[in-house]
C-alpha cells in the first residue's frame, strides 16, 4: 500500500519523495514505508491548517461532526 499524507483536503506524497521505513517491533523487519515530510511539506500543512481554522472550515463544526469526518477518513483508506 502506498501511504500518503493528508494535507489541505488531499492525499499527497512528500515533495522530495523520501520515505521512512516502518518496522515490526517484534522482529525488526520492515513492514511498510510512510512519507517523510520535508520542511516545505510541514510549512504547507501548518499554513493550510491555520487557513482552515481561521475560515471556520474545521473549527466551525461541532466536535461530533469532526469525529465523524475523522472516522470516515480512517475507514476510506
N, C-alpha and C. Protein backbone atom coordinates (compact mmCIF):
# COMPACT_ATOMS: atom_id res chain seq x y z
N UNK A 1 0.86 -1.19 0.00
CA UNK A 1 0.00 0.00 0.00
C UNK A 1 0.89 1.23 0.00
N UNK A 2 0.50 2.23 -0.77
CA UNK A 2 1.25 3.48 -0.83
C UNK A 2 0.61 4.48 0.12
N UNK A 3 1.21 4.66 1.29
CA UNK A 3 0.68 5.60 2.27
C UNK A 3 1.07 7.02 1.89
N UNK A 4 0.15 7.95 2.14
CA UNK A 4 0.38 9.35 1.84
C UNK A 4 0.02 10.20 3.05
N UNK A 5 0.29 11.50 2.95
CA UNK A 5 -0.05 12.46 3.99
C UNK A 5 -1.35 13.15 3.57
N UNK A 6 -2.22 13.42 4.55
CA UNK A 6 -3.47 14.13 4.26
C UNK A 6 -3.27 15.59 4.62
N UNK A 7 -3.21 16.45 3.60
CA UNK A 7 -2.94 17.87 3.80
C UNK A 7 -3.89 18.68 2.92
N UNK A 8 -4.55 19.66 3.53
CA UNK A 8 -5.42 20.58 2.79
C UNK A 8 -6.49 19.85 1.99
N UNK A 9 -7.02 18.77 2.57
CA UNK A 9 -8.10 18.05 1.91
C UNK A 9 -7.67 17.06 0.84
N UNK A 10 -6.38 16.81 0.73
CA UNK A 10 -5.88 15.92 -0.31
C UNK A 10 -4.84 14.95 0.25
N UNK A 11 -4.80 13.75 -0.33
CA UNK A 11 -3.74 12.79 -0.01
C UNK A 11 -2.55 13.12 -0.92
N UNK A 12 -1.39 13.36 -0.31
CA UNK A 12 -0.22 13.76 -1.10
C UNK A 12 1.02 12.97 -0.67
N UNK A 13 1.97 12.87 -1.59
CA UNK A 13 3.28 12.32 -1.27
C UNK A 13 4.16 13.44 -0.75
N UNK A 14 5.28 13.10 -0.14
CA UNK A 14 6.21 14.14 0.29
C UNK A 14 6.81 14.80 -0.95
N UNK A 15 7.11 16.07 -0.84
CA UNK A 15 7.59 16.82 -2.01
C UNK A 15 8.94 16.32 -2.49
N UNK A 16 9.73 15.76 -1.58
CA UNK A 16 11.04 15.25 -2.00
C UNK A 16 11.04 13.73 -2.21
N UNK A 17 9.85 13.12 -2.08
CA UNK A 17 9.62 11.70 -2.30
C UNK A 17 10.40 10.79 -1.35
N UNK A 18 10.92 11.33 -0.24
CA UNK A 18 11.61 10.49 0.74
C UNK A 18 10.58 9.72 1.55
N UNK A 19 10.98 8.52 2.01
CA UNK A 19 10.08 7.66 2.77
C UNK A 19 10.81 7.16 4.01
N UNK A 20 10.03 6.78 5.03
CA UNK A 20 10.56 6.27 6.28
C UNK A 20 10.09 4.83 6.44
N UNK A 21 11.00 3.90 6.71
CA UNK A 21 10.57 2.52 6.91
C UNK A 21 9.82 2.36 8.23
N UNK A 22 8.80 1.53 8.22
CA UNK A 22 8.05 1.18 9.43
C UNK A 22 8.46 -0.24 9.80
N UNK A 23 8.94 -0.40 11.03
CA UNK A 23 9.47 -1.68 11.46
C UNK A 23 8.51 -2.44 12.35
N UNK A 24 8.51 -3.75 12.21
CA UNK A 24 7.79 -4.62 13.12
C UNK A 24 8.61 -4.65 14.42
N UNK A 25 8.06 -4.21 15.54
CA UNK A 25 8.84 -4.13 16.77
C UNK A 25 9.29 -5.49 17.30
N UNK A 26 8.59 -6.54 16.93
CA UNK A 26 8.94 -7.88 17.41
C UNK A 26 10.12 -8.47 16.65
N UNK A 27 10.19 -8.16 15.35
CA UNK A 27 11.22 -8.79 14.51
C UNK A 27 12.25 -7.82 13.96
N UNK A 28 11.89 -6.53 13.93
CA UNK A 28 12.79 -5.53 13.35
C UNK A 28 12.72 -5.47 11.83
N UNK A 29 11.86 -6.30 11.24
CA UNK A 29 11.75 -6.30 9.78
C UNK A 29 10.89 -5.12 9.31
N UNK A 30 11.18 -4.66 8.10
CA UNK A 30 10.41 -3.56 7.51
C UNK A 30 9.07 -4.11 7.05
N UNK A 31 7.97 -3.49 7.52
CA UNK A 31 6.63 -3.95 7.14
C UNK A 31 5.91 -2.97 6.23
N UNK A 32 6.42 -1.73 6.14
CA UNK A 32 5.81 -0.73 5.28
C UNK A 32 6.74 0.47 5.19
N UNK A 33 6.32 1.46 4.44
CA UNK A 33 7.01 2.74 4.37
C UNK A 33 5.97 3.85 4.37
N UNK A 34 6.32 4.97 4.97
CA UNK A 34 5.44 6.14 5.01
C UNK A 34 6.22 7.36 4.51
N UNK A 35 5.52 8.39 4.04
CA UNK A 35 6.23 9.57 3.55
C UNK A 35 6.98 10.28 4.67
N UNK A 36 8.11 10.84 4.33
CA UNK A 36 8.88 11.68 5.24
C UNK A 36 8.64 13.13 4.84
N UNK A 37 7.90 13.85 5.65
CA UNK A 37 7.56 15.24 5.30
C UNK A 37 8.80 16.12 5.31
N UNK A 38 8.96 16.89 4.26
CA UNK A 38 10.06 17.85 4.17
C UNK A 38 9.67 19.12 4.94
N UNK A 39 10.60 20.02 5.09
CA UNK A 39 10.30 21.31 5.74
C UNK A 39 9.20 22.02 4.97
N UNK A 40 9.25 21.95 3.65
CA UNK A 40 8.22 22.59 2.82
C UNK A 40 6.85 21.95 3.05
N UNK A 41 6.83 20.62 3.18
CA UNK A 41 5.57 19.92 3.44
C UNK A 41 4.96 20.34 4.77
N UNK A 42 5.80 20.43 5.80
CA UNK A 42 5.32 20.82 7.13
C UNK A 42 4.82 22.27 7.10
N UNK A 43 5.54 23.15 6.42
CA UNK A 43 5.11 24.55 6.31
C UNK A 43 3.77 24.65 5.59
N UNK A 44 3.61 23.90 4.50
CA UNK A 44 2.36 23.90 3.75
C UNK A 44 1.21 23.36 4.62
N UNK A 45 1.47 22.28 5.36
CA UNK A 45 0.43 21.69 6.23
C UNK A 45 0.04 22.67 7.33
N UNK A 46 1.01 23.32 7.94
CA UNK A 46 0.72 24.28 9.02
C UNK A 46 -0.08 25.46 8.49
N UNK A 47 0.31 25.99 7.31
CA UNK A 47 -0.42 27.11 6.71
C UNK A 47 -1.84 26.69 6.34
N UNK A 48 -1.98 25.50 5.78
CA UNK A 48 -3.31 25.00 5.42
C UNK A 48 -4.20 24.85 6.64
N UNK A 49 -3.63 24.31 7.73
CA UNK A 49 -4.40 24.14 8.96
C UNK A 49 -4.82 25.49 9.54
N UNK A 50 -3.91 26.44 9.54
CA UNK A 50 -4.24 27.78 10.06
C UNK A 50 -5.32 28.43 9.21
N UNK A 51 -5.17 28.36 7.89
CA UNK A 51 -6.17 28.95 6.99
C UNK A 51 -7.54 28.32 7.20
N UNK A 52 -7.57 27.00 7.36
CA UNK A 52 -8.83 26.29 7.59
C UNK A 52 -9.45 26.70 8.92
N UNK A 53 -8.61 26.82 9.94
CA UNK A 53 -9.10 27.22 11.26
C UNK A 53 -9.70 28.63 11.20
N UNK A 54 -8.97 29.56 10.59
CA UNK A 54 -9.45 30.94 10.52
C UNK A 54 -10.71 31.08 9.67
N UNK A 55 -10.83 30.26 8.64
CA UNK A 55 -12.02 30.31 7.78
C UNK A 55 -13.22 29.62 8.41
N UNK A 56 -12.98 28.86 9.48
CA UNK A 56 -14.07 28.14 10.13
C UNK A 56 -14.40 26.81 9.48
N UNK A 57 -13.61 26.43 8.48
CA UNK A 57 -13.86 25.18 7.77
C UNK A 57 -13.86 23.99 8.72
N UNK A 58 -12.94 23.95 9.65
CA UNK A 58 -12.83 22.86 10.61
C UNK A 58 -13.29 23.30 11.99
N UNK A 59 -12.85 24.48 12.40
CA UNK A 59 -13.16 24.94 13.76
C UNK A 59 -14.64 25.32 13.92
N UNK A 60 -15.32 25.54 12.82
CA UNK A 60 -16.71 25.96 12.90
C UNK A 60 -17.71 24.83 13.00
N UNK A 61 -17.24 23.59 12.97
CA UNK A 61 -18.16 22.47 13.09
C UNK A 61 -18.00 21.84 14.48
N UNK A 62 -19.01 21.11 14.88
CA UNK A 62 -19.03 20.55 16.24
C UNK A 62 -17.99 19.44 16.39
N UNK A 63 -17.57 19.16 17.63
CA UNK A 63 -16.65 18.05 17.87
C UNK A 63 -17.19 16.72 17.35
N UNK A 64 -18.49 16.50 17.48
CA UNK A 64 -19.10 15.26 16.98
C UNK A 64 -18.97 15.13 15.46
N UNK A 65 -19.19 16.25 14.76
CA UNK A 65 -19.04 16.23 13.30
C UNK A 65 -17.58 15.98 12.91
N UNK A 66 -16.65 16.61 13.63
CA UNK A 66 -15.22 16.40 13.35
C UNK A 66 -14.86 14.93 13.58
N UNK A 67 -15.40 14.33 14.65
CA UNK A 67 -15.12 12.92 14.93
C UNK A 67 -15.65 12.04 13.79
N UNK A 68 -16.83 12.35 13.31
CA UNK A 68 -17.40 11.57 12.21
C UNK A 68 -16.56 11.68 10.94
N UNK A 69 -16.07 12.86 10.64
CA UNK A 69 -15.22 13.05 9.47
C UNK A 69 -13.92 12.27 9.63
N UNK A 70 -13.35 12.34 10.83
CA UNK A 70 -12.10 11.62 11.09
C UNK A 70 -12.29 10.11 10.95
N UNK A 71 -13.40 9.59 11.46
CA UNK A 71 -13.68 8.16 11.33
C UNK A 71 -13.87 7.78 9.86
N UNK A 72 -14.56 8.63 9.12
CA UNK A 72 -14.77 8.37 7.70
C UNK A 72 -13.43 8.31 6.98
N UNK A 73 -12.54 9.26 7.27
CA UNK A 73 -11.22 9.27 6.62
C UNK A 73 -10.45 8.00 6.96
N UNK A 74 -10.52 7.60 8.21
CA UNK A 74 -9.81 6.39 8.65
C UNK A 74 -10.29 5.17 7.87
N UNK A 75 -11.59 5.07 7.68
CA UNK A 75 -12.17 3.90 7.02
C UNK A 75 -12.09 3.96 5.51
N UNK A 76 -11.77 5.12 4.95
CA UNK A 76 -11.73 5.26 3.49
C UNK A 76 -10.37 4.92 2.91
N UNK A 77 -9.37 4.70 3.76
CA UNK A 77 -8.03 4.38 3.26
C UNK A 77 -7.87 2.94 3.20
